[in-house]
Amino acid sequence: TYDPPDGGNLARCVPVALYHVARLEKLVTDTTAVSRLTHWDDRAAEAAVAINFLISKLVVDHGRAFDELTKFLDHGHS
């Protein structure tokens, strides 16, 4: 049987979003690396990257965070 990934990796990834709030490339790379410490499923890493992107945008410009997330995901950063 196949078990879908849980969200256990997300809590460990949040500090990466705060640390790399203005460095998108590092945010994506480091979030993926931290996620893969415990979750090898691509969907878990992609979810962590999306959440961290949103967190970084909420910190910088909370008024446009969800619009920015939509653009980010539309350009293949999932």
C-alpha atoms as a PDB file:
ATOM      1  CA  THR A   1       0.000   0.000   0.000  1.00  0.00           C
ATOM      2  CA  TYR A   2       1.011   3.586  -0.539  1.00  0.00           C
ATOM      3  CA  ASP A   3       0.821   6.070   2.293  1.00  0.00           C
ATOM      4  CA  PRO A   4       0.681   9.734   1.322  1.00  0.00           C
ATOM      5  CA  PRO A   5       3.161  12.021   3.063  1.00  0.00           C
ATOM      6  CA  ASP A   6       2.118  13.654   6.297  1.00  0.00           C
ATOM      7  CA  GLY A   7       2.897  17.263   7.205  1.00  0.00           C
ATOM      8  CA  GLY A   8       5.611  16.453   9.730  1.00  0.00           C
ATOM      9  CA  ASN A   9       8.241  18.192   7.649  1.00  0.00           C
ATOM     10  CA  LEU A  10       6.431  21.539   7.619  1.00  0.00           C
ATOM     11  CA  ALA A  11       7.224  22.572  11.197  1.00  0.00           C
ATOM     12  CA  ARG A  12      10.946  22.056  10.628  1.00  0.00           C
ATOM     13  CA  CYS A  13      10.839  24.109   7.433  1.00  0.00           C
ATOM     14  CA  VAL A  14       9.222  27.288   8.800  1.00  0.00           C
ATOM     15  CA  PRO A  15      12.498  28.691  10.224  1.00  0.00           C
ATOM     16  CA  VAL A  16      13.983  28.429   6.718  1.00  0.00           C
ATOM     17  CA  ALA A  17      11.244  30.745   5.419  1.00  0.00           C
ATOM     18  CA  LEU A  18      12.055  33.319   8.052  1.00  0.00           C
ATOM     19  CA  TYR A  19      15.813  33.046   7.521  1.00  0.00           C
ATOM     20  CA  HIS A  20      15.607  33.379   3.727  1.00  0.00           C
ATOM     21  CA  VAL A  21      12.714  35.835   3.598  1.00  0.00           C
ATOM     22  CA  ALA A  22      14.408  37.910   0.868  1.00  0.00           C
ATOM     23  CA  ARG A  23      16.353  35.159  -0.917  1.00  0.00           C
ATOM     24  CA  LEU A  24      13.939  33.101  -3.008  1.00  0.00           C
ATOM     25  CA  GLU A  25      16.495  30.762  -4.554  1.00  0.00           C
ATOM     26  CA  LYS A  26      17.997  29.869  -1.164  1.00  0.00           C
ATOM     27  CA  LEU A  27      14.504  29.536   0.322  1.00  0.00           C
ATOM     28  CA  VAL A  28      13.550  26.935  -2.293  1.00  0.00           C
ATOM     29  CA  THR A  29      16.855  25.034  -2.094  1.00  0.00           C
ATOM     30  CA  ASP A  30      17.113  24.952   1.686  1.00  0.00           C
ATOM     31  CA  THR A  31      13.430  24.209   2.253  1.00  0.00           C
ATOM     32  CA  THR A  32      13.677  21.232  -0.073  1.00  0.00           C
ATOM     33  CA  ALA A  33      16.813  19.998   1.699  1.00  0.00           C
ATOM     34  CA  VAL A  34      15.284  20.308   5.171  1.00  0.00           C
ATOM     35  CA  SER A  35      12.061  18.643   4.035  1.00  0.00           C
ATOM     36  CA  ARG A  36      13.947  15.705   2.562  1.00  0.00           C
ATOM     37  CA  LEU A  37      15.663  14.984   5.866  1.00  0.00           C
ATOM     38  CA  THR A  38      12.534  13.076   6.842  1.00  0.00           C
ATOM     39  CA  HIS A  39      10.220  13.097   3.803  1.00  0.00           C
ATOM     40  CA  TRP A  40      11.467  11.855   0.428  1.00  0.00           C
ATOM     41  CA  ASP A  41       8.115  12.227  -1.301  1.00  0.00           C
ATOM     42  CA  ASP A  42       8.273  15.097  -3.801  1.00  0.00           C
ATOM     43  CA  ARG A  43       4.815  16.274  -2.745  1.00  0.00           C
ATOM     44  CA  ALA A  44       6.026  16.858   0.813  1.00  0.00           C
ATOM     45  CA  ALA A  45       8.945  18.978  -0.375  1.00  0.00           C
ATOM     46  CA  GLU A  46       6.740  20.897  -2.822  1.00  0.00           C
ATOM     47  CA  ALA A  47       4.188  21.625  -0.105  1.00  0.00           C
ATOM     48  CA  ALA A  48       6.935  22.860   2.210  1.00  0.00           C
ATOM     49  CA  VAL A  49       8.301  25.159  -0.494  1.00  0.00           C
ATOM     50  CA  ALA A  50       4.833  26.593  -1.173  1.00  0.00           C
ATOM     51  CA  ILE A  51       4.157  27.156   2.536  1.00  0.00           C
ATOM     52  CA  ASN A  52       7.561  28.769   3.043  1.00  0.00           C
ATOM     53  CA  PHE A  53       7.104  31.012   0.033  1.00  0.00           C
ATOM     54  CA  LEU A  54       3.765  32.149   1.446  1.00  0.00           C
ATOM     55  CA  ILE A  55       5.284  32.747   4.894  1.00  0.00           C
ATOM     56  CA  SER A  56       8.092  34.826   3.401  1.00  0.00           C
ATOM     57  CA  LYS A  57       5.584  36.931   1.461  1.00  0.00           C
ATOM     58  CA  LEU A  58       3.368  37.387   4.521  1.00  0.00           C
ATOM     59  CA  VAL A  59       6.364  38.746   6.420  1.00  0.00           C
ATOM     60  CA  VAL A  60       7.401  41.145   3.658  1.00  0.00           C
ATOM     61  CA  ASP A  61       4.129  42.225   2.042  1.00  0.00           C
ATOM     62  CA  HIS A  62       1.121  40.622   3.661  1.00  0.00           C
ATOM     63  CA  GLY A  63      -1.365  42.440   1.439  1.00  0.00           C
ATOM     64  CA  ARG A  64      -0.238  40.658  -1.727  1.00  0.00           C
ATOM     65  CA  ALA A  65       0.998  37.345  -0.310  1.00  0.00           C
ATOM     66  CA  PHE A  66      -1.672  35.103  -1.827  1.00  0.00           C
ATOM     67  CA  ASP A  67      -1.428  36.775  -5.230  1.00  0.00           C
ATOM     68  CA  GLU A  68       2.325  36.237  -5.167  1.00  0.00           C
ATOM     69  CA  LEU A  69       1.841  32.581  -4.162  1.00  0.00           C
ATOM     70  CA  THR A  70      -0.462  32.029  -7.141  1.00  0.00           C
ATOM     71  CA  LYS A  71       2.134  33.509  -9.521  1.00  0.00           C
ATOM     72  CA  PHE A  72       4.897  31.452  -7.883  1.00  0.00           C
ATOM     73  CA  LEU A  73       2.964  28.204  -8.318  1.00  0.00           C
ATOM     74  CA  ASP A  74       1.891  29.101 -11.862  1.00  0.00           C
ATOM     75  CA  HIS A  75       5.551  29.401 -12.861  1.00  0.00           C
ATOM     76  CA  GLY A  76       6.301  25.816 -11.838  1.00  0.00           C
ATOM     77  CA  HIS A  77       7.620  26.389  -8.341  1.00  0.00           C
ATOM     78  CA  SER A  78       5.552  23.812  -6.571  1.00  0.00           C
END
